[in-house]
Amino acid sequence: LYLQMTLVDGIFHADPHPGNVAVQPDGTIVLYDFGMA
């Protein structure tokens, strides 16, 4: 996901520390806090 954001899309979430990344029961990744991008 982060390689796609940086290498392909050119716009990315820049603060992926554990407090800003969560997981739902089906394995979906949730991203929070886009203040640093």
PDB file of all heavy atoms in Angstrom:
ATOM      1  N   LEU A   1       0.831  -1.208   0.000  1.00  0.00           N
ATOM      2  CA  LEU A   1       0.000   0.000   0.000  1.00  0.00           C
ATOM      3  C   LEU A   1       0.863   1.254   0.000  1.00  0.00           C
ATOM      4  O   LEU A   1       0.606   2.211  -0.750  1.00  0.00           O
ATOM      5  CB  LEU A   1      -0.934   0.000   1.215  1.00  0.00           C
ATOM      6  CG  LEU A   1      -2.032  -1.059   1.236  1.00  0.00           C
ATOM      7  CD1 LEU A   1      -2.779  -1.025   2.566  1.00  0.00           C
ATOM      8  CD2 LEU A   1      -3.010  -0.853   0.085  1.00  0.00           C
ATOM      9  N   TYR A   2       1.891   1.262   0.839  1.00  0.00           N
ATOM     10  CA  TYR A   2       2.731   2.458   0.924  1.00  0.00           C
ATOM     11  C   TYR A   2       3.637   2.613  -0.294  1.00  0.00           C
ATOM     12  O   TYR A   2       3.940   3.734  -0.718  1.00  0.00           O
ATOM     13  CB  TYR A   2       3.533   2.453   2.228  1.00  0.00           C
ATOM     14  CG  TYR A   2       2.707   2.991   3.370  1.00  0.00           C
ATOM     15  CD1 TYR A   2       1.945   2.144   4.168  1.00  0.00           C
ATOM     16  CD2 TYR A   2       2.632   4.350   3.615  1.00  0.00           C
ATOM     17  CE1 TYR A   2       1.156   2.636   5.173  1.00  0.00           C
ATOM     18  CE2 TYR A   2       1.844   4.862   4.625  1.00  0.00           C
ATOM     19  CZ  TYR A   2       1.099   3.996   5.405  1.00  0.00           C
ATOM     20  OH  TYR A   2       0.296   4.503   6.406  1.00  0.00           O
ATOM     21  N   LEU A   3       4.053   1.513  -0.890  1.00  0.00           N
ATOM     22  CA  LEU A   3       4.819   1.605  -2.126  1.00  0.00           C
ATOM     23  C   LEU A   3       3.950   2.131  -3.262  1.00  0.00           C
ATOM     24  O   LEU A   3       4.406   2.907  -4.107  1.00  0.00           O
ATOM     25  CB  LEU A   3       5.411   0.237  -2.490  1.00  0.00           C
ATOM     26  CG  LEU A   3       6.582  -0.209  -1.617  1.00  0.00           C
ATOM     27  CD1 LEU A   3       6.920  -1.674  -1.876  1.00  0.00           C
ATOM     28  CD2 LEU A   3       7.810   0.668  -1.863  1.00  0.00           C
ATOM     29  N   GLN A   4       2.688   1.722  -3.287  1.00  0.00           N
ATOM     30  CA  GLN A   4       1.783   2.256  -4.306  1.00  0.00           C
ATOM     31  C   GLN A   4       1.586   3.757  -4.119  1.00  0.00           C
ATOM     32  O   GLN A   4       1.610   4.533  -5.077  1.00  0.00           O
ATOM     33  CB  GLN A   4       0.429   1.554  -4.263  1.00  0.00           C
ATOM     34  CG  GLN A   4      -0.545   2.135  -5.302  1.00  0.00           C
ATOM     35  CD  GLN A   4      -1.854   1.385  -5.387  1.00  0.00           C
ATOM     36  OE1 GLN A   4      -1.890   0.174  -5.189  1.00  0.00           O
ATOM     37  NE2 GLN A   4      -2.926   2.101  -5.684  1.00  0.00           N
ATOM     38  N   MET A   5       1.390   4.189  -2.859  1.00  0.00           N
ATOM     39  CA  MET A   5       1.189   5.613  -2.608  1.00  0.00           C
ATOM     40  C   MET A   5       2.401   6.433  -3.048  1.00  0.00           C
ATOM     41  O   MET A   5       2.254   7.496  -3.657  1.00  0.00           O
ATOM     42  CB  MET A   5       0.901   5.848  -1.115  1.00  0.00           C
ATOM     43  CG  MET A   5      -0.517   5.563  -0.690  1.00  0.00           C
ATOM     44  SD  MET A   5      -0.871   6.092   1.015  1.00  0.00           S
ATOM     45  CE  MET A   5      -0.399   4.635   1.931  1.00  0.00           C
ATOM     46  N   THR A   6       3.612   5.946  -2.730  1.00  0.00           N
ATOM     47  CA  THR A   6       4.809   6.735  -3.001  1.00  0.00           C
ATOM     48  C   THR A   6       5.273   6.614  -4.451  1.00  0.00           C
ATOM     49  O   THR A   6       5.585   7.625  -5.093  1.00  0.00           O
ATOM     50  CB  THR A   6       5.955   6.327  -2.058  1.00  0.00           C
ATOM     51  OG1 THR A   6       6.120   4.899  -2.090  1.00  0.00           O
ATOM     52  CG2 THR A   6       5.670   6.760  -0.635  1.00  0.00           C
ATOM     53  N   LEU A   7       5.317   5.394  -4.997  1.00  0.00           N
ATOM     54  CA  LEU A   7       5.891   5.192  -6.315  1.00  0.00           C
ATOM     55  C   LEU A   7       4.894   5.367  -7.455  1.00  0.00           C
ATOM     56  O   LEU A   7       5.281   5.751  -8.564  1.00  0.00           O
ATOM     57  CB  LEU A   7       6.514   3.791  -6.419  1.00  0.00           C
ATOM     58  CG  LEU A   7       7.601   3.451  -5.398  1.00  0.00           C
ATOM     59  CD1 LEU A   7       8.181   2.077  -5.699  1.00  0.00           C
ATOM     60  CD2 LEU A   7       8.698   4.497  -5.385  1.00  0.00           C
ATOM     61  N   VAL A   8       3.622   5.090  -7.194  1.00  0.00           N
ATOM     62  CA  VAL A   8       2.619   5.122  -8.268  1.00  0.00           C
ATOM     63  C   VAL A   8       1.735   6.364  -8.174  1.00  0.00           C
ATOM     64  O   VAL A   8       1.623   7.140  -9.130  1.00  0.00           O
ATOM     65  CB  VAL A   8       1.743   3.846  -8.236  1.00  0.00           C
ATOM     66  CG1 VAL A   8       0.721   3.870  -9.375  1.00  0.00           C
ATOM     67  CG2 VAL A   8       2.609   2.603  -8.334  1.00  0.00           C
ATOM     68  N   ASP A   9       1.119   6.576  -7.005  1.00  0.00           N
ATOM     69  CA  ASP A   9       0.160   7.674  -6.870  1.00  0.00           C
ATOM     70  C   ASP A   9       0.840   9.024  -6.648  1.00  0.00           C
ATOM     71  O   ASP A   9       0.317  10.060  -7.059  1.00  0.00           O
ATOM     72  CB  ASP A   9      -0.803   7.402  -5.708  1.00  0.00           C
ATOM     73  CG  ASP A   9      -1.617   6.137  -5.915  1.00  0.00           C
ATOM     74  OD1 ASP A   9      -1.803   5.751  -7.089  1.00  0.00           O
ATOM     75  OD2 ASP A   9      -2.063   5.541  -4.923  1.00  0.00           O
ATOM     76  N   GLY A  10       1.965   9.033  -5.952  1.00  0.00           N
ATOM     77  CA  GLY A  10       2.665  10.285  -5.699  1.00  0.00           C
ATOM     78  C   GLY A  10       2.038  11.143  -4.625  1.00  0.00           C
ATOM     79  O   GLY A  10       2.418  12.301  -4.442  1.00  0.00           O
ATOM     80  N   ILE A  11       1.092  10.612  -3.884  1.00  0.00           N
ATOM     81  CA  ILE A  11       0.511  11.312  -2.736  1.00  0.00           C
ATOM     82  C   ILE A  11       0.329  10.272  -1.644  1.00  0.00           C
ATOM     83  O   ILE A  11      -0.274   9.219  -1.877  1.00  0.00           O
ATOM     84  CB  ILE A  11      -0.818  12.011  -3.097  1.00  0.00           C
ATOM     85  CG1 ILE A  11      -1.388  12.733  -1.871  1.00  0.00           C
ATOM     86  CG2 ILE A  11      -1.817  11.053  -3.716  1.00  0.00           C
ATOM     87  CD1 ILE A  11      -2.562  13.664  -2.212  1.00  0.00           C
ATOM     88  N   PHE A  12       0.851  10.547  -0.441  1.00  0.00           N
ATOM     89  CA  PHE A  12       0.905   9.455   0.524  1.00  0.00           C
ATOM     90  C   PHE A  12       0.763   9.929   1.971  1.00  0.00           C
ATOM     91  O   PHE A  12       1.087  11.058   2.319  1.00  0.00           O
ATOM     92  CB  PHE A  12       2.225   8.678   0.372  1.00  0.00           C
ATOM     93  CG  PHE A  12       3.461   9.522   0.564  1.00  0.00           C
ATOM     94  CD1 PHE A  12       4.109   9.579   1.792  1.00  0.00           C
ATOM     95  CD2 PHE A  12       3.991  10.255  -0.487  1.00  0.00           C
ATOM     96  CE1 PHE A  12       5.256  10.342   1.973  1.00  0.00           C
ATOM     97  CE2 PHE A  12       5.140  11.024  -0.318  1.00  0.00           C
ATOM     98  CZ  PHE A  12       5.771  11.068   0.912  1.00  0.00           C
ATOM     99  N   HIS A  13       0.244   9.019   2.776  1.00  0.00           N
ATOM    100  CA  HIS A  13       0.170   9.143   4.225  1.00  0.00           C
ATOM    101  C   HIS A  13       1.587   8.990   4.752  1.00  0.00           C
ATOM    102  O   HIS A  13       2.267   8.009   4.469  1.00  0.00           O
ATOM    103  CB  HIS A  13      -0.733   8.021   4.744  1.00  0.00           C
ATOM    104  CG  HIS A  13      -0.908   7.977   6.222  1.00  0.00           C
ATOM    105  ND1 HIS A  13      -0.284   7.019   7.001  1.00  0.00           N
ATOM    106  CD2 HIS A  13      -1.631   8.738   7.072  1.00  0.00           C
ATOM    107  CE1 HIS A  13      -0.638   7.199   8.272  1.00  0.00           C
ATOM    108  NE2 HIS A  13      -1.447   8.232   8.340  1.00  0.00           N
ATOM    109  N   ALA A  14       2.087   9.988   5.509  1.00  0.00           N
ATOM    110  CA  ALA A  14       3.508   9.999   5.857  1.00  0.00           C
ATOM    111  C   ALA A  14       3.789   9.718   7.324  1.00  0.00           C
ATOM    112  O   ALA A  14       4.896   9.958   7.797  1.00  0.00           O
ATOM    113  CB  ALA A  14       4.114  11.349   5.467  1.00  0.00           C
ATOM    114  N   ASP A  15       2.801   9.204   8.063  1.00  0.00           N
ATOM    115  CA  ASP A  15       3.028   8.948   9.492  1.00  0.00           C
ATOM    116  C   ASP A  15       2.428   7.601   9.888  1.00  0.00           C
ATOM    117  O   ASP A  15       1.498   7.532  10.707  1.00  0.00           O
ATOM    118  CB  ASP A  15       2.401  10.082  10.316  1.00  0.00           C
ATOM    119  CG  ASP A  15       2.947  10.123  11.739  1.00  0.00           C
ATOM    120  OD1 ASP A  15       3.996   9.504  11.997  1.00  0.00           O
ATOM    121  OD2 ASP A  15       2.321  10.772  12.591  1.00  0.00           O
ATOM    122  N   PRO A  16       2.956   6.503   9.327  1.00  0.00           N
ATOM    123  CA  PRO A  16       2.354   5.179   9.557  1.00  0.00           C
ATOM    124  C   PRO A  16       2.813   4.483  10.839  1.00  0.00           C
ATOM    125  O   PRO A  16       3.023   3.273  10.840  1.00  0.00           O
ATOM    126  CB  PRO A  16       2.804   4.396   8.325  1.00  0.00           C
ATOM    127  CG  PRO A  16       4.146   4.961   8.008  1.00  0.00           C
ATOM    128  CD  PRO A  16       4.069   6.432   8.357  1.00  0.00           C
ATOM    129  N   HIS A  17       2.986   5.248  11.940  1.00  0.00           N
ATOM    130  CA  HIS A  17       3.377   4.567  13.181  1.00  0.00           C
ATOM    131  C   HIS A  17       2.191   3.742  13.689  1.00  0.00           C
ATOM    132  O   HIS A  17       1.039   3.953  13.261  1.00  0.00           O
ATOM    133  CB  HIS A  17       3.886   5.570  14.214  1.00  0.00           C
ATOM    134  CG  HIS A  17       2.847   6.464  14.802  1.00  0.00           C
ATOM    135  ND1 HIS A  17       1.916   6.039  15.721  1.00  0.00           N
ATOM    136  CD2 HIS A  17       2.593   7.788  14.610  1.00  0.00           C
ATOM    137  CE1 HIS A  17       1.143   7.045  16.077  1.00  0.00           C
ATOM    138  NE2 HIS A  17       1.522   8.110  15.419  1.00  0.00           N
ATOM    139  N   PRO A  18       2.418   2.765  14.571  1.00  0.00           N
ATOM    140  CA  PRO A  18       1.362   1.818  14.967  1.00  0.00           C
ATOM    141  C   PRO A  18       0.076   2.464  15.453  1.00  0.00           C
ATOM    142  O   PRO A  18      -1.002   1.880  15.294  1.00  0.00           O
ATOM    143  CB  PRO A  18       2.039   1.002  16.068  1.00  0.00           C
ATOM    144  CG  PRO A  18       3.485   1.036  15.721  1.00  0.00           C
ATOM    145  CD  PRO A  18       3.729   2.406  15.164  1.00  0.00           C
ATOM    146  N   GLY A  19       0.133   3.657  16.049  1.00  0.00           N
ATOM    147  CA  GLY A  19      -1.084   4.306  16.500  1.00  0.00           C
ATOM    148  C   GLY A  19      -1.970   4.786  15.372  1.00  0.00           C
ATOM    149  O   GLY A  19      -3.160   5.060  15.573  1.00  0.00           O
ATOM    150  N   ASN A  20      -1.416   4.898  14.165  1.00  0.00           N
ATOM    151  CA  ASN A  20      -2.174   5.387  13.017  1.00  0.00           C
ATOM    152  C   ASN A  20      -2.550   4.298  12.026  1.00  0.00           C
ATOM    153  O   ASN A  20      -3.061   4.591  10.940  1.00  0.00           O
ATOM    154  CB  ASN A  20      -1.375   6.472  12.277  1.00  0.00           C
ATOM    155  CG  ASN A  20      -1.285   7.761  13.063  1.00  0.00           C
ATOM    156  OD1 ASN A  20      -2.109   8.034  13.933  1.00  0.00           O
ATOM    157  ND2 ASN A  20      -0.277   8.559  12.780  1.00  0.00           N
ATOM    158  N   VAL A  21      -2.271   3.051  12.375  1.00  0.00           N
ATOM    159  CA  VAL A  21      -2.598   1.921  11.497  1.00  0.00           C
ATOM    160  C   VAL A  21      -3.358   0.880  12.309  1.00  0.00           C
ATOM    161  O   VAL A  21      -2.886   0.450  13.364  1.00  0.00           O
ATOM    162  CB  VAL A  21      -1.323   1.288  10.892  1.00  0.00           C
ATOM    163  CG1 VAL A  21      -1.693   0.136   9.958  1.00  0.00           C
ATOM    164  CG2 VAL A  21      -0.493   2.341  10.143  1.00  0.00           C
ATOM    165  N   ALA A  22      -4.531   0.500  11.813  1.00  0.00           N
ATOM    166  CA  ALA A  22      -5.349  -0.498  12.508  1.00  0.00           C
ATOM    167  C   ALA A  22      -5.777  -1.582  11.520  1.00  0.00           C
ATOM    168  O   ALA A  22      -5.603  -1.446  10.302  1.00  0.00           O
ATOM    169  CB  ALA A  22      -6.573   0.161  13.153  1.00  0.00           C
ATOM    170  N   VAL A  23      -6.327  -2.662  12.070  1.00  0.00           N
ATOM    171  CA  VAL A  23      -6.744  -3.798  11.251  1.00  0.00           C
ATOM    172  C   VAL A  23      -8.145  -4.219  11.673  1.00  0.00           C
ATOM    173  O   VAL A  23      -8.433  -4.324  12.872  1.00  0.00           O
ATOM    174  CB  VAL A  23      -5.768  -4.991  11.410  1.00  0.00           C
ATOM    175  CG1 VAL A  23      -6.151  -6.117  10.472  1.00  0.00           C
ATOM    176  CG2 VAL A  23      -4.329  -4.548  11.165  1.00  0.00           C
ATOM    177  N   GLN A  24      -9.019  -4.457  10.697  1.00  0.00           N
ATOM    178  CA  GLN A  24     -10.363  -4.942  10.977  1.00  0.00           C
ATOM    179  C   GLN A  24     -10.381  -6.470  10.950  1.00  0.00           C
ATOM    180  O   GLN A  24      -9.441  -7.096  10.443  1.00  0.00           O
ATOM    181  CB  GLN A  24     -11.343  -4.351   9.966  1.00  0.00           C
ATOM    182  CG  GLN A  24     -11.451  -2.839  10.074  1.00  0.00           C
ATOM    183  CD  GLN A  24     -12.517  -2.243   9.175  1.00  0.00           C
ATOM    184  OE1 GLN A  24     -12.671  -2.651   8.027  1.00  0.00           O
ATOM    185  NE2 GLN A  24     -13.250  -1.266   9.687  1.00  0.00           N
ATOM    186  N   PRO A  25     -11.420  -7.096  11.491  1.00  0.00           N
ATOM    187  CA  PRO A  25     -11.447  -8.564  11.586  1.00  0.00           C
ATOM    188  C   PRO A  25     -11.250  -9.292  10.262  1.00  0.00           C
ATOM    189  O   PRO A  25     -10.735 -10.417  10.239  1.00  0.00           O
ATOM    190  CB  PRO A  25     -12.846  -8.845  12.166  1.00  0.00           C
ATOM    191  CG  PRO A  25     -13.148  -7.625  12.980  1.00  0.00           C
ATOM    192  CD  PRO A  25     -12.564  -6.477  12.209  1.00  0.00           C
ATOM    193  N   ASP A  26     -11.642  -8.680   9.143  1.00  0.00           N
ATOM    194  CA  ASP A  26     -11.464  -9.340   7.844  1.00  0.00           C
ATOM    195  C   ASP A  26     -10.093  -9.071   7.230  1.00  0.00           C
ATOM    196  O   ASP A  26      -9.821  -9.470   6.093  1.00  0.00           O
ATOM    197  CB  ASP A  26     -12.561  -8.914   6.868  1.00  0.00           C
ATOM    198  CG  ASP A  26     -12.513  -7.422   6.550  1.00  0.00           C
ATOM    199  OD1 ASP A  26     -11.685  -6.704   7.152  1.00  0.00           O
ATOM    200  OD2 ASP A  26     -13.310  -6.967   5.702  1.00  0.00           O
ATOM    201  N   GLY A  27      -9.212  -8.370   7.991  1.00  0.00           N
ATOM    202  CA  GLY A  27      -7.866  -8.104   7.501  1.00  0.00           C
ATOM    203  C   GLY A  27      -7.698  -6.759   6.812  1.00  0.00           C
ATOM    204  O   GLY A  27      -6.580  -6.399   6.419  1.00  0.00           O
ATOM    205  N   THR A  28      -8.785  -6.005   6.677  1.00  0.00           N
ATOM    206  CA  THR A  28      -8.697  -4.681   6.045  1.00  0.00           C
ATOM    207  C   THR A  28      -7.845  -3.753   6.905  1.00  0.00           C
ATOM    208  O   THR A  28      -8.027  -3.673   8.121  1.00  0.00           O
ATOM    209  CB  THR A  28     -10.101  -4.066   5.865  1.00  0.00           C
ATOM    210  OG1 THR A  28     -10.884  -4.930   5.041  1.00  0.00           O
ATOM    211  CG2 THR A  28     -10.016  -2.689   5.227  1.00  0.00           C
ATOM    212  N   ILE A  29      -6.932  -3.045   6.262  1.00  0.00           N
ATOM    213  CA  ILE A  29      -6.069  -2.085   6.962  1.00  0.00           C
ATOM    214  C   ILE A  29      -6.756  -0.726   7.005  1.00  0.00           C
ATOM    215  O   ILE A  29      -7.284  -0.249   6.000  1.00  0.00           O
ATOM    216  CB  ILE A  29      -4.707  -1.971   6.260  1.00  0.00           C
ATOM    217  CG1 ILE A  29      -3.933  -3.288   6.400  1.00  0.00           C
ATOM    218  CG2 ILE A  29      -3.884  -0.813   6.829  1.00  0.00           C
ATOM    219  CD1 ILE A  29      -2.631  -3.328   5.618  1.00  0.00           C
ATOM    220  N   VAL A  30      -6.750  -0.095   8.181  1.00  0.00           N
ATOM    221  CA  VAL A  30      -7.349   1.229   8.358  1.00  0.00           C
ATOM    222  C   VAL A  30      -6.229   2.231   8.628  1.00  0.00           C
ATOM    223  O   VAL A  30      -5.358   1.974   9.473  1.00  0.00           O
ATOM    224  CB  VAL A  30      -8.355   1.241   9.534  1.00  0.00           C
ATOM    225  CG1 VAL A  30      -9.033   2.609   9.642  1.00  0.00           C
ATOM    226  CG2 VAL A  30      -9.388   0.137   9.375  1.00  0.00           C
ATOM    227  N   LEU A  31      -6.257   3.356   7.921  1.00  0.00           N
ATOM    228  CA  LEU A  31      -5.261   4.401   8.122  1.00  0.00           C
ATOM    229  C   LEU A  31      -5.909   5.625   8.752  1.00  0.00           C
ATOM    230  O   LEU A  31      -6.965   6.077   8.301  1.00  0.00           O
ATOM    231  CB  LEU A  31      -4.611   4.798   6.789  1.00  0.00           C
ATOM    232  CG  LEU A  31      -3.892   3.682   6.023  1.00  0.00           C
ATOM    233  CD1 LEU A  31      -3.281   4.239   4.739  1.00  0.00           C
ATOM    234  CD2 LEU A  31      -2.822   3.018   6.872  1.00  0.00           C
ATOM    235  N   TYR A  32      -5.256   6.163   9.793  1.00  0.00           N
ATOM    236  CA  TYR A  32      -5.739   7.353  10.481  1.00  0.00           C
ATOM    237  C   TYR A  32      -4.689   8.465  10.403  1.00  0.00           C
ATOM    238  O   TYR A  32      -3.518   8.213  10.178  1.00  0.00           O
ATOM    239  CB  TYR A  32      -5.991   7.064  11.974  1.00  0.00           C
ATOM    240  CG  TYR A  32      -6.896   5.903  12.283  1.00  0.00           C
ATOM    241  CD1 TYR A  32      -6.402   4.776  12.950  1.00  0.00           C
ATOM    242  CD2 TYR A  32      -8.242   5.934  11.951  1.00  0.00           C
ATOM    243  CE1 TYR A  32      -7.232   3.712  13.277  1.00  0.00           C
ATOM    244  CE2 TYR A  32      -9.086   4.870  12.272  1.00  0.00           C
ATOM    245  CZ  TYR A  32      -8.570   3.760  12.929  1.00  0.00           C
ATOM    246  OH  TYR A  32      -9.397   2.713  13.254  1.00  0.00           O
ATOM    247  N   ASP A  33      -5.140   9.684  10.639  1.00  0.00           N
ATOM    248  CA  ASP A  33      -4.266  10.853  10.837  1.00  0.00           C
ATOM    249  C   ASP A  33      -3.420  11.169   9.605  1.00  0.00           C
ATOM    250  O   ASP A  33      -2.299  10.680   9.447  1.00  0.00           O
ATOM    251  CB  ASP A  33      -3.358  10.649  12.050  1.00  0.00           C
ATOM    252  CG  ASP A  33      -2.687  11.960  12.481  1.00  0.00           C
ATOM    253  OD1 ASP A  33      -2.802  12.951  11.730  1.00  0.00           O
ATOM    254  OD2 ASP A  33      -2.063  11.982  13.543  1.00  0.00           O
ATOM    255  N   PHE A  34      -3.961  12.032   8.752  1.00  0.00           N
ATOM    256  CA  PHE A  34      -3.286  12.412   7.519  1.00  0.00           C
ATOM    257  C   PHE A  34      -2.680  13.811   7.607  1.00  0.00           C
ATOM    258  O   PHE A  34      -2.447  14.462   6.593  1.00  0.00           O
ATOM    259  CB  PHE A  34      -4.268  12.322   6.341  1.00  0.00           C
ATOM    260  CG  PHE A  34      -4.617  10.911   5.975  1.00  0.00           C
ATOM    261  CD1 PHE A  34      -5.498  10.166   6.761  1.00  0.00           C
ATOM    262  CD2 PHE A  34      -4.059  10.298   4.872  1.00  0.00           C
ATOM    263  CE1 PHE A  34      -5.808   8.857   6.440  1.00  0.00           C
ATOM    264  CE2 PHE A  34      -4.355   8.982   4.543  1.00  0.00           C
ATOM    265  CZ  PHE A  34      -5.238   8.250   5.330  1.00  0.00           C
ATOM    266  N   GLY A  35      -2.432  14.261   8.842  1.00  0.00           N
ATOM    267  CA  GLY A  35      -1.839  15.574   9.017  1.00  0.00           C
ATOM    268  C   GLY A  35      -0.460  15.659   8.401  1.00  0.00           C
ATOM    269  O   GLY A  35      -0.069  16.685   7.839  1.00  0.00           O
ATOM    270  N   MET A  36       0.306  14.579   8.505  1.00  0.00           N
ATOM    271  CA  MET A  36       1.618  14.519   7.869  1.00  0.00           C
ATOM    272  C   MET A  36       1.474  13.711   6.588  1.00  0.00           C
ATOM    273  O   MET A  36       1.216  12.505   6.634  1.00  0.00           O
ATOM    274  CB  MET A  36       2.655  13.884   8.799  1.00  0.00           C
ATOM    275  CG  MET A  36       4.080  13.957   8.254  1.00  0.00           C
ATOM    276  SD  MET A  36       5.307  13.252   9.393  1.00  0.00           S
ATOM    277  CE  MET A  36       5.234  14.455  10.730  1.00  0.00           C
ATOM    278  N   ALA A  37       1.587  14.379   5.464  1.00  0.00           N
ATOM    279  CA  ALA A  37       1.406  13.723   4.166  1.00  0.00           C
ATOM    280  C   ALA A  37       2.396  14.317   3.175  1.00  0.00           C
ATOM    281  O   ALA A  37       2.936  15.403   3.375  1.00  0.00           O
ATOM    282  CB  ALA A  37      -0.019  13.897   3.663  1.00  0.00           C
TER     283      ALA A  37
END
